[in-house]
PDB file of N, CA and C in Angstrom:
ATOM      1  N   MET A   1       2.526 -13.206  24.591  1.00  0.00           N
ATOM      2  CA  MET A   1       2.569 -11.998  23.991  1.00  0.00           C
ATOM      3  C   MET A   1       3.249 -12.311  22.811  1.00  0.00           C
ATOM      4  N   THR A   2       3.069 -11.249  21.250  1.00  0.00           N
ATOM      5  CA  THR A   2       3.797 -11.469  20.240  1.00  0.00           C
ATOM      6  C   THR A   2       4.381  -9.285  20.087  1.00  0.00           C
ATOM      7  N   ILE A   3       6.344  -9.897  19.859  1.00  0.00           N
ATOM      8  CA  ILE A   3       6.512  -8.286  19.443  1.00  0.00           C
ATOM      9  C   ILE A   3       6.566  -8.670  18.148  1.00  0.00           C
ATOM     10  N   ARG A   4       6.265  -6.640  17.816  1.00  0.00           N
ATOM     11  CA  ARG A   4       6.748  -6.763  16.529  1.00  0.00           C
ATOM     12  C   ARG A   4       7.620  -5.492  16.743  1.00  0.00           C
ATOM     13  N   ARG A   5       8.137  -5.596  15.128  1.00  0.00           N
ATOM     14  CA  ARG A   5       8.999  -4.745  14.517  1.00  0.00           C
ATOM     15  C   ARG A   5       8.149  -3.597  14.663  1.00  0.00           C
ATOM     16  N   ALA A   6       8.721  -2.698  14.945  1.00  0.00           N
ATOM     17  CA  ALA A   6       7.983  -1.047  15.082  1.00  0.00           C
ATOM     18  C   ALA A   6       8.880  -0.093  14.184  1.00  0.00           C
ATOM     19  N   ASP A   7       7.759   0.208  13.589  1.00  0.00           N
ATOM     20  CA  ASP A   7       8.182   1.432  12.688  1.00  0.00           C
ATOM     21  C   ASP A   7       7.089   2.724  12.996  1.00  0.00           C
ATOM     22  N   ASP A   8       8.036   3.698  13.039  1.00  0.00           N
ATOM     23  CA  ASP A   8       6.844   5.116  13.247  1.00  0.00           C
ATOM     24  C   ASP A   8       7.335   6.235  12.235  1.00  0.00           C
ATOM     25  N   ASN A   9       7.218   5.956  10.705  1.00  0.00           N
ATOM     26  CA  ASN A   9       7.731   6.350   9.666  1.00  0.00           C
ATOM     27  C   ASN A   9       5.905   6.382   8.794  1.00  0.00           C
ATOM     28  N   SER A  10       5.848   7.836   8.005  1.00  0.00           N
ATOM     29  CA  SER A  10       5.082   7.945   7.825  1.00  0.00           C
ATOM     30  C   SER A  10       5.944   7.208   5.723  1.00  0.00           C
ATOM     31  N   TYR A  11       5.455   7.069   4.752  1.00  0.00           N
ATOM     32  CA  TYR A  11       5.984   6.689   3.599  1.00  0.00           C
ATOM     33  C   TYR A  11       5.043   7.178   2.497  1.00  0.00           C
ATOM     34  N   ALA A  12       5.588   8.165   1.427  1.00  0.00           N
ATOM     35  CA  ALA A  12       4.061   8.597  -0.253  1.00  0.00           C
ATOM     36  C   ALA A  12       4.717   7.450  -0.527  1.00  0.00           C
ATOM     37  N   LEU A  13       3.151   6.678  -1.026  1.00  0.00           N
ATOM     38  CA  LEU A  13       4.142   5.915  -2.228  1.00  0.00           C
ATOM     39  C   LEU A  13       2.858   6.317  -2.927  1.00  0.00           C
ATOM     40  N   LEU A  14       2.141   7.139  -3.612  1.00  0.00           N
ATOM     41  CA  LEU A  14       1.614   8.171  -4.607  1.00  0.00           C
ATOM     42  C   LEU A  14       1.549  10.208  -4.022  1.00  0.00           C
ATOM     43  N   SER A  15       1.802  10.483  -5.109  1.00  0.00           N
ATOM     44  CA  SER A  15       1.663  10.993  -4.796  1.00  0.00           C
ATOM     45  C   SER A  15       1.482  12.590  -5.854  1.00  0.00           C
ATOM     46  N   ASN A  16      -0.136  13.091  -6.059  1.00  0.00           N
ATOM     47  CA  ASN A  16      -0.519  13.932  -7.098  1.00  0.00           C
ATOM     48  C   ASN A  16      -0.395  12.726  -8.374  1.00  0.00           C
ATOM     49  N   ALA A  17      -0.378  11.201  -8.635  1.00  0.00           N
ATOM     50  CA  ALA A  17      -0.601  10.167  -9.528  1.00  0.00           C
ATOM     51  C   ALA A  17      -1.385   9.956 -10.475  1.00  0.00           C
ATOM     52  N   SER A  18      -1.383   9.144 -11.671  1.00  0.00           N
ATOM     53  CA  SER A  18      -2.466   8.425 -12.683  1.00  0.00           C
ATOM     54  C   SER A  18      -1.811   6.890 -12.352  1.00  0.00           C
ATOM     55  N   ALA A  19      -0.967   6.859 -12.405  1.00  0.00           N
ATOM     56  CA  ALA A  19      -0.362   5.524 -13.027  1.00  0.00           C
ATOM     57  C   ALA A  19       0.942   4.926 -11.493  1.00  0.00           C
ATOM     58  N   THR A  20       0.989   3.298 -11.940  1.00  0.00           N
ATOM     59  CA  THR A  20       1.577   2.846 -10.135  1.00  0.00           C
ATOM     60  C   THR A  20       2.587   3.437  -9.798  1.00  0.00           C
ATOM     61  N   GLY A  21       2.933   3.298  -8.609  1.00  0.00           N
ATOM     62  CA  GLY A  21       4.205   3.856  -8.440  1.00  0.00           C
ATOM     63  C   GLY A  21       5.630   2.949  -8.224  1.00  0.00           C
ATOM     64  N   ALA A  22       6.601   3.984  -6.996  1.00  0.00           N
ATOM     65  CA  ALA A  22       7.947   3.617  -7.532  1.00  0.00           C
ATOM     66  C   ALA A  22       7.673   2.124  -6.279  1.00  0.00           C
ATOM     67  N   ALA A  23       8.162   2.242  -6.316  1.00  0.00           N
ATOM     68  CA  ALA A  23       8.803   0.892  -5.269  1.00  0.00           C
ATOM     69  C   ALA A  23       9.588   1.820  -4.132  1.00  0.00           C
ATOM     70  N   VAL A  24       8.377   1.807  -2.968  1.00  0.00           N
ATOM     71  CA  VAL A  24       9.634   2.398  -1.532  1.00  0.00           C
ATOM     72  C   VAL A  24       9.739   1.335  -0.782  1.00  0.00           C
ATOM     73  N   ASN A  25      11.666   1.252   0.393  1.00  0.00           N
ATOM     74  CA  ASN A  25      11.976   0.927   1.276  1.00  0.00           C
ATOM     75  C   ASN A  25      10.837   0.396   2.383  1.00  0.00           C
ATOM     76  N   ILE A  26      10.479   0.028   3.409  1.00  0.00           N
ATOM     77  CA  ILE A  26      10.064   0.144   4.185  1.00  0.00           C
ATOM     78  C   ILE A  26      11.278  -0.601   5.759  1.00  0.00           C
ATOM     79  N   ARG A  27      10.681  -0.025   6.674  1.00  0.00           N
ATOM     80  CA  ARG A  27      12.130  -0.940   8.028  1.00  0.00           C
ATOM     81  C   ARG A  27      10.999  -1.675   8.222  1.00  0.00           C
ATOM     82  N   GLY A  28       9.977  -2.796   8.364  1.00  0.00           N
ATOM     83  CA  GLY A  28       8.610  -3.250   8.694  1.00  0.00           C
ATOM     84  C   GLY A  28       8.010  -3.623   9.989  1.00  0.00           C
ATOM     85  N   GLY A  29       7.299  -4.155   9.953  1.00  0.00           N
ATOM     86  CA  GLY A  29       6.078  -3.918  10.900  1.00  0.00           C
ATOM     87  C   GLY A  29       4.435  -4.530  11.071  1.00  0.00           C
ATOM     88  N   GLN A  30       3.803  -3.737  11.302  1.00  0.00           N
ATOM     89  CA  GLN A  30       2.103  -2.890  11.330  1.00  0.00           C
ATOM     90  C   GLN A  30       2.292  -1.481  10.491  1.00  0.00           C
ATOM     91  N   TYR A  31       0.855  -1.268  10.119  1.00  0.00           N
ATOM     92  CA  TYR A  31       0.938  -0.424   9.612  1.00  0.00           C
ATOM     93  C   TYR A  31      -0.209  -0.298   9.114  1.00  0.00           C
ATOM     94  N   THR A  32      -0.341   1.466   8.864  1.00  0.00           N
ATOM     95  CA  THR A  32      -2.147   1.989   7.832  1.00  0.00           C
ATOM     96  C   THR A  32      -2.029   1.976   6.670  1.00  0.00           C
ATOM     97  N   PHE A  33      -2.364   1.628   5.910  1.00  0.00           N
ATOM     98  CA  PHE A  33      -2.336   2.031   4.161  1.00  0.00           C
ATOM     99  C   PHE A  33      -3.155   3.024   3.756  1.00  0.00           C
ATOM    100  N   SER A  34      -3.506   3.729   3.759  1.00  0.00           N
ATOM    101  CA  SER A  34      -5.286   5.753   3.608  1.00  0.00           C
ATOM    102  C   SER A  34      -4.675   5.461   1.858  1.00  0.00           C
ATOM    103  N   ALA A  35      -5.297   5.843   0.299  1.00  0.00           N
ATOM    104  CA  ALA A  35      -5.132   6.262  -0.446  1.00  0.00           C
ATOM    105  C   ALA A  35      -6.659   7.104  -1.026  1.00  0.00           C
ATOM    106  N   GLU A  36      -6.521   8.120  -1.391  1.00  0.00           N
ATOM    107  CA  GLU A  36      -6.967   9.127  -1.992  1.00  0.00           C
ATOM    108  C   GLU A  36      -7.221   9.716  -2.902  1.00  0.00           C
ATOM    109  N   GLY A  37      -8.235  10.790  -3.452  1.00  0.00           N
ATOM    110  CA  GLY A  37      -8.057  10.377  -5.664  1.00  0.00           C
ATOM    111  C   GLY A  37      -9.064   9.962  -6.044  1.00  0.00           C
ATOM    112  N   THR A  38      -9.010  10.746  -7.102  1.00  0.00           N
ATOM    113  CA  THR A  38     -10.247   9.985  -7.747  1.00  0.00           C
ATOM    114  C   THR A  38      -9.740   9.001  -8.688  1.00  0.00           C
ATOM    115  N   ILE A  39     -10.547   7.805  -8.728  1.00  0.00           N
ATOM    116  CA  ILE A  39      -9.742   6.999  -9.192  1.00  0.00           C
ATOM    117  C   ILE A  39     -10.806   6.438 -10.031  1.00  0.00           C
ATOM    118  N   GLY A  40     -11.414   7.125 -11.232  1.00  0.00           N
ATOM    119  CA  GLY A  40     -11.591   6.750 -12.788  1.00  0.00           C
ATOM    120  C   GLY A  40     -12.224   5.930 -12.618  1.00  0.00           C
ATOM    121  N   GLY A  41     -12.407   3.979 -12.043  1.00  0.00           N
ATOM    122  CA  GLY A  41     -12.479   3.101 -12.159  1.00  0.00           C
ATOM    123  C   GLY A  41     -11.869   2.993 -12.405  1.00  0.00           C
ATOM    124  N   ALA A  42     -10.176   2.444 -11.877  1.00  0.00           N
ATOM    125  CA  ALA A  42      -9.173   1.759 -11.946  1.00  0.00           C
ATOM    126  C   ALA A  42      -8.786   1.479 -10.414  1.00  0.00           C
ATOM    127  N   THR A  43      -8.121   0.071 -10.267  1.00  0.00           N
ATOM    128  CA  THR A  43      -8.006  -0.539  -9.121  1.00  0.00           C
ATOM    129  C   THR A  43      -6.569   0.092  -8.227  1.00  0.00           C
ATOM    130  N   ILE A  44      -6.733  -0.180  -7.354  1.00  0.00           N
ATOM    131  CA  ILE A  44      -5.460   0.379  -6.316  1.00  0.00           C
ATOM    132  C   ILE A  44      -4.957  -1.434  -5.660  1.00  0.00           C
ATOM    133  N   ALA A  45      -3.909  -1.004  -5.625  1.00  0.00           N
ATOM    134  CA  ALA A  45      -3.665  -1.882  -4.237  1.00  0.00           C
ATOM    135  C   ALA A  45      -1.778  -2.183  -4.048  1.00  0.00           C
ATOM    136  N   LEU A  46      -2.352  -2.681  -2.035  1.00  0.00           N
ATOM    137  CA  LEU A  46      -0.503  -2.392  -1.948  1.00  0.00           C
ATOM    138  C   LEU A  46       0.048  -3.509  -2.480  1.00  0.00           C
ATOM    139  N   GLN A  47       1.381  -3.419  -2.758  1.00  0.00           N
ATOM    140  CA  GLN A  47       2.266  -4.571  -2.964  1.00  0.00           C
ATOM    141  C   GLN A  47       3.606  -4.685  -2.451  1.00  0.00           C
ATOM    142  N   VAL A  48       4.183  -6.015  -2.267  1.00  0.00           N
ATOM    143  CA  VAL A  48       5.539  -5.906  -1.976  1.00  0.00           C
ATOM    144  C   VAL A  48       5.901  -6.388  -2.425  1.00  0.00           C
ATOM    145  N   GLN A  49       7.929  -7.065  -3.081  1.00  0.00           N
ATOM    146  CA  GLN A  49       8.188  -7.505  -4.111  1.00  0.00           C
ATOM    147  C   GLN A  49       8.677  -8.737  -2.964  1.00  0.00           C
ATOM    148  N   SER A  50       8.631  -9.605  -3.866  1.00  0.00           N
ATOM    149  CA  SER A  50       8.731 -11.486  -2.897  1.00  0.00           C
ATOM    150  C   SER A  50      10.342 -10.854  -3.580  1.00  0.00           C
ATOM    151  N   PRO A  51      11.494 -12.198  -2.516  1.00  0.00           N
ATOM    152  CA  PRO A  51      12.510 -11.827  -3.212  1.00  0.00           C
ATOM    153  C   PRO A  51      12.606 -11.614  -4.167  1.00  0.00           C
ATOM    154  N   ASN A  52      12.023 -12.569  -4.812  1.00  0.00           N
ATOM    155  CA  ASN A  52      12.557 -13.350  -6.220  1.00  0.00           C
ATOM    156  C   ASN A  52      11.908 -11.866  -6.852  1.00  0.00           C
ATOM    157  N   GLY A  53      11.382 -10.766  -6.275  1.00  0.00           N
ATOM    158  CA  GLY A  53      11.338 -10.378  -7.438  1.00  0.00           C
ATOM    159  C   GLY A  53      10.192 -10.021  -7.988  1.00  0.00           C
ATOM    160  N   THR A  54       8.638 -10.879  -7.334  1.00  0.00           N
ATOM    161  CA  THR A  54       7.846 -10.943  -8.573  1.00  0.00           C
ATOM    162  C   THR A  54       7.146  -9.352  -7.538  1.00  0.00           C
ATOM    163  N   TRP A  55       6.529  -8.924  -7.813  1.00  0.00           N
ATOM    164  CA  TRP A  55       5.230  -8.017  -6.644  1.00  0.00           C
ATOM    165  C   TRP A  55       3.721  -8.483  -6.638  1.00  0.00           C
ATOM    166  N   GLU A  56       4.258  -8.699  -5.192  1.00  0.00           N
ATOM    167  CA  GLU A  56       3.007  -9.374  -4.898  1.00  0.00           C
ATOM    168  C   GLU A  56       1.453  -8.791  -3.595  1.00  0.00           C
ATOM    169  N   THR A  57       0.001  -8.693  -4.352  1.00  0.00           N
ATOM    170  CA  THR A  57      -0.671  -7.698  -4.190  1.00  0.00           C
ATOM    171  C   THR A  57      -0.747  -8.380  -2.596  1.00  0.00           C
ATOM    172  N   VAL A  58      -1.127  -7.419  -1.383  1.00  0.00           N
ATOM    173  CA  VAL A  58      -1.167  -7.622   0.107  1.00  0.00           C
ATOM    174  C   VAL A  58      -2.837  -8.031   0.420  1.00  0.00           C
ATOM    175  N   SER A  59      -1.715  -8.985   1.561  1.00  0.00           N
ATOM    176  CA  SER A  59      -3.171 -10.490   1.762  1.00  0.00           C
ATOM    177  C   SER A  59      -3.169  -9.386   2.822  1.00  0.00           C
ATOM    178  N   VAL A  60      -4.808  -9.598   3.287  1.00  0.00           N
ATOM    179  CA  VAL A  60      -4.921  -8.821   5.157  1.00  0.00           C
ATOM    180  C   VAL A  60      -5.662  -9.991   5.933  1.00  0.00           C
ATOM    181  N   PHE A  61      -6.382 -10.072   6.973  1.00  0.00           N
ATOM    182  CA  PHE A  61      -7.454 -10.679   7.453  1.00  0.00           C
ATOM    183  C   PHE A  61      -8.420 -11.292   6.641  1.00  0.00           C
ATOM    184  N   SER A  62      -7.716 -12.442   6.773  1.00  0.00           N
ATOM    185  CA  SER A  62      -7.716 -14.000   5.827  1.00  0.00           C
ATOM    186  C   SER A  62      -8.046 -13.866   4.285  1.00  0.00           C
ATOM    187  N   ASN A  63      -7.685 -13.057   3.996  1.00  0.00           N
ATOM    188  CA  ASN A  63      -7.067 -13.243   2.756  1.00  0.00           C
ATOM    189  C   ASN A  63      -7.264 -12.111   1.461  1.00  0.00           C
ATOM    190  N   SER A  64      -7.905 -11.142   2.775  1.00  0.00           N
ATOM    191  CA  SER A  64      -8.848  -9.660   1.949  1.00  0.00           C
ATOM    192  C   SER A  64      -7.548  -9.378   1.529  1.00  0.00           C
ATOM    193  N   ALA A  65      -7.788  -8.869  -0.717  1.00  0.00           N
ATOM    194  CA  ALA A  65      -6.962  -8.454  -0.830  1.00  0.00           C
ATOM    195  C   ALA A  65      -6.791  -6.240  -0.299  1.00  0.00           C
ATOM    196  N   ALA A  66      -5.734  -6.034   0.204  1.00  0.00           N
ATOM    197  CA  ALA A  66      -5.491  -4.659   0.528  1.00  0.00           C
ATOM    198  C   ALA A  66      -5.206  -4.096  -1.075  1.00  0.00           C
ATOM    199  N   SER A  67      -6.757  -3.718  -0.977  1.00  0.00           N
ATOM    200  CA  SER A  67      -6.500  -3.475  -2.670  1.00  0.00           C
ATOM    201  C   SER A  67      -8.006  -2.393  -2.297  1.00  0.00           C
ATOM    202  N   THR A  68      -8.611  -1.823  -3.157  1.00  0.00           N
ATOM    203  CA  THR A  68     -10.161  -0.904  -3.642  1.00  0.00           C
ATOM    204  C   THR A  68     -10.235  -0.195  -4.206  1.00  0.00           C
ATOM    205  N   THR A  69     -11.644  -0.419  -5.852  1.00  0.00           N
ATOM    206  CA  THR A  69     -12.030   0.291  -6.593  1.00  0.00           C
ATOM    207  C   THR A  69     -12.517   1.982  -6.122  1.00  0.00           C
ATOM    208  N   THR A  70     -12.702   1.730  -4.892  1.00  0.00           N
ATOM    209  CA  THR A  70     -13.485   3.485  -4.046  1.00  0.00           C
ATOM    210  C   THR A  70     -12.233   4.436  -2.849  1.00  0.00           C
ATOM    211  N   LEU A  71     -12.800   5.658  -3.848  1.00  0.00           N
ATOM    212  CA  LEU A  71     -11.828   6.586  -2.965  1.00  0.00           C
ATOM    213  C   LEU A  71     -12.697   7.087  -1.560  1.00  0.00           C
ATOM    214  N   PRO A  72     -12.155   7.687  -0.865  1.00  0.00           N
ATOM    215  CA  PRO A  72     -11.001   7.089  -0.265  1.00  0.00           C
ATOM    216  C   PRO A  72     -11.455   6.417   0.704  1.00  0.00           C
ATOM    217  N   TYR A  73      -9.733   5.806   0.937  1.00  0.00           N
ATOM    218  CA  TYR A  73      -9.386   4.191   1.464  1.00  0.00           C
ATOM    219  C   TYR A  73      -9.093   4.261   2.240  1.00  0.00           C
ATOM    220  N   ALA A  74      -8.295   3.302   3.695  1.00  0.00           N
ATOM    221  CA  ALA A  74      -8.315   3.899   4.821  1.00  0.00           C
ATOM    222  C   ALA A  74      -8.427   1.801   5.201  1.00  0.00           C
ATOM    223  N   LEU A  75      -7.444   1.224   5.026  1.00  0.00           N
ATOM    224  CA  LEU A  75      -6.385   0.881   6.225  1.00  0.00           C
ATOM    225  C   LEU A  75      -5.381  -0.323   7.467  1.00  0.00           C
ATOM    226  N   THR A  76      -6.149  -0.988   8.202  1.00  0.00           N
ATOM    227  CA  THR A  76      -4.734  -0.437   8.931  1.00  0.00           C
ATOM    228  C   THR A  76      -4.796  -1.818   9.797  1.00  0.00           C
ATOM    229  N   GLY A  77      -3.861  -1.942  10.523  1.00  0.00           N
ATOM    230  CA  GLY A  77      -3.049  -3.076  11.384  1.00  0.00           C
ATOM    231  C   GLY A  77      -2.695  -4.325  10.483  1.00  0.00           C
ATOM    232  N   ILE A  78      -2.011  -3.800   9.163  1.00  0.00           N
ATOM    233  CA  ILE A  78      -1.921  -4.594   7.601  1.00  0.00           C
ATOM    234  C   ILE A  78      -0.088  -4.101   8.298  1.00  0.00           C
ATOM    235  N   ASP A  79      -0.027  -5.986   8.778  1.00  0.00           N
ATOM    236  CA  ASP A  79       1.639  -6.903   9.272  1.00  0.00           C
ATOM    237  C   ASP A  79       2.745  -6.413   8.121  1.00  0.00           C
ATOM    238  N   LEU A  80       3.309  -6.169   7.669  1.00  0.00           N
ATOM    239  CA  LEU A  80       4.141  -6.796   6.048  1.00  0.00           C
ATOM    240  C   LEU A  80       6.178  -5.966   6.845  1.00  0.00           C
ATOM    241  N   PRO A  81       6.865  -7.467   5.680  1.00  0.00           N
ATOM    242  CA  PRO A  81       7.722  -7.298   6.500  1.00  0.00           C
ATOM    243  C   PRO A  81       9.340  -6.175   6.023  1.00  0.00           C
ATOM    244  N   ALA A  82      10.311  -6.515   6.283  1.00  0.00           N
ATOM    245  CA  ALA A  82      11.294  -5.192   5.853  1.00  0.00           C
ATOM    246  C   ALA A  82      11.363  -5.757   4.562  1.00  0.00           C
ATOM    247  N   GLY A  83      11.077  -4.176   3.399  1.00  0.00           N
ATOM    248  CA  GLY A  83      11.431  -4.279   2.349  1.00  0.00           C
ATOM    249  C   GLY A  83      10.755  -3.431   1.306  1.00  0.00           C
ATOM    250  N   ALA A  84      10.795  -3.644  -0.590  1.00  0.00           N
ATOM    251  CA  ALA A  84      10.227  -2.834  -1.648  1.00  0.00           C
ATOM    252  C   ALA A  84       8.708  -2.911  -1.110  1.00  0.00           C
ATOM    253  N   VAL A  85       7.634  -2.204  -1.236  1.00  0.00           N
ATOM    254  CA  VAL A  85       6.213  -1.929  -0.698  1.00  0.00           C
ATOM    255  C   VAL A  85       5.993  -0.697  -2.166  1.00  0.00           C
ATOM    256  N   ARG A  86       4.697  -0.694  -2.038  1.00  0.00           N
ATOM    257  CA  ARG A  86       4.388  -0.171  -3.930  1.00  0.00           C
ATOM    258  C   ARG A  86       3.335   0.314  -3.896  1.00  0.00           C
ATOM    259  N   VAL A  87       2.113   1.319  -4.977  1.00  0.00           N
ATOM    260  CA  VAL A  87       0.868   0.230  -4.841  1.00  0.00           C
ATOM    261  C   VAL A  87       0.801   0.566  -6.016  1.00  0.00           C
ATOM    262  N   SER A  88      -0.170  -0.254  -6.694  1.00  0.00           N
ATOM    263  CA  SER A  88      -0.515  -0.515  -7.377  1.00  0.00           C
ATOM    264  C   SER A  88      -1.547   0.022  -8.259  1.00  0.00           C
ATOM    265  N   VAL A  89      -1.987   0.430  -9.995  1.00  0.00           N
ATOM    266  CA  VAL A  89      -2.720   1.223 -10.379  1.00  0.00           C
ATOM    267  C   VAL A  89      -3.093   0.443 -11.579  1.00  0.00           C
ATOM    268  N   THR A  90      -4.232  -0.014 -11.709  1.00  0.00           N
ATOM    269  CA  THR A  90      -4.913  -0.572 -13.413  1.00  0.00           C
ATOM    270  C   THR A  90      -6.203   0.213 -13.947  1.00  0.00           C
ATOM    271  N   GLY A  91      -5.938  -0.202 -15.174  1.00  0.00           N
ATOM    272  CA  GLY A  91      -7.597   0.677 -15.764  1.00  0.00           C
ATOM    273  C   GLY A  91      -7.596   1.810 -15.306  1.00  0.00           C
ATOM    274  N   GLY A  92      -8.838   1.780 -16.175  1.00  0.00           N
ATOM    275  CA  GLY A  92      -9.330   3.018 -15.429  1.00  0.00           C
ATOM    276  C   GLY A  92      -9.121   4.641 -15.714  1.00  0.00           C
ATOM    277  N   THR A  93      -8.857   5.866 -15.342  1.00  0.00           N
ATOM    278  CA  THR A  93      -8.295   6.182 -15.763  1.00  0.00           C
ATOM    279  C   THR A  93      -8.835   7.891 -14.596  1.00  0.00           C
ATOM    280  N   PRO A  94      -7.101   7.486 -13.119  1.00  0.00           N
ATOM    281  CA  PRO A  94      -7.283   8.415 -13.025  1.00  0.00           C
ATOM    282  C   PRO A  94      -6.998   9.218 -12.228  1.00  0.00           C
ATOM    283  N   SER A  95      -6.685  10.211 -11.517  1.00  0.00           N
ATOM    284  CA  SER A  95      -6.086  11.055 -11.658  1.00  0.00           C
ATOM    285  C   SER A  95      -6.151  11.578 -10.097  1.00  0.00           C
ATOM    286  N   ALA A  96      -4.991  12.424  -9.856  1.00  0.00           N
ATOM    287  CA  ALA A  96      -4.079  12.797  -8.951  1.00  0.00           C
ATOM    288  C   ALA A  96      -4.604  12.198  -7.158  1.00  0.00           C
ATOM    289  N   LEU A  97      -3.755  11.253  -7.256  1.00  0.00           N
ATOM    290  CA  LEU A  97      -3.924  10.129  -5.938  1.00  0.00           C
ATOM    291  C   LEU A  97      -3.041  10.354  -5.332  1.00  0.00           C
ATOM    292  N   PHE A  98      -3.563   9.731  -3.998  1.00  0.00           N
ATOM    293  CA  PHE A  98      -2.734   9.942  -2.892  1.00  0.00           C
ATOM    294  C   PHE A  98      -2.060   8.661  -2.441  1.00  0.00           C
ATOM    295  N   ALA A  99      -0.984   8.285  -2.206  1.00  0.00           N
ATOM    296  CA  ALA A  99      -1.938   7.121  -1.105  1.00  0.00           C
ATOM    297  C   ALA A  99      -0.339   6.756  -0.093  1.00  0.00           C
ATOM    298  N   TYR A 100      -0.700   6.839   1.123  1.00  0.00           N
ATOM    299  CA  TYR A 100       0.586   6.647   2.241  1.00  0.00           C
ATOM    300  C   TYR A 100       0.550   5.363   2.554  1.00  0.00           C
ATOM    301  N   LEU A 101       2.068   4.847   3.629  1.00  0.00           N
ATOM    302  CA  LEU A 101       1.690   4.790   4.108  1.00  0.00           C
ATOM    303  C   LEU A 101       1.515   3.961   5.722  1.00  0.00           C
ATOM    304  N   VAL A 102       1.917   4.493   7.193  1.00  0.00           N
ATOM    305  CA  VAL A 102       2.068   4.900   7.931  1.00  0.00           C
ATOM    306  C   VAL A 102       2.407   3.594   9.063  1.00  0.00           C
ATOM    307  N   GLY A 103       3.778   4.225   9.529  1.00  0.00           N
ATOM    308  CA  GLY A 103       3.644   2.639  10.683  1.00  0.00           C
ATOM    309  C   GLY A 103       2.782   2.619  11.451  1.00  0.00           C
ATOM    310  N   LEU A 104       2.625   2.463  13.528  1.00  0.00           N
ATOM    311  CA  LEU A 104       2.247   1.657  14.438  1.00  0.00           C
ATOM    312  C   LEU A 104       3.153   1.593  14.736  1.00  0.00           C
ATOM    313  N   GLY A 105       4.298   1.815  15.067  1.00  0.00           N
ATOM    314  CA  GLY A 105       5.066   1.906  15.790  1.00  0.00           C
ATOM    315  C   GLY A 105       5.463   2.853  17.633  1.00  0.00           C
TER     316      GLY A 105
END
């Protein structure tokens, strides 16, 4: 049986936002990502920061990106390393976006 790092914290990644959120440091482990609000034709994506500083969209379940153009949205069982995460918002005219990362510790 694989032992995973546990994190039972909840992280607010967007709060009444309409653009890409600020970086949030997490402990690492397995998470649920959820988002809600008015997407307005935008795309939102969960991203992690590489050691080189590049923001990369998280992929789960055989390279499916943790991104969506439809809200509300939830994806569970996302394994993430300790470090910085954010929600990227591109295109459209989104408003009142809220996004959370909740540890499954």
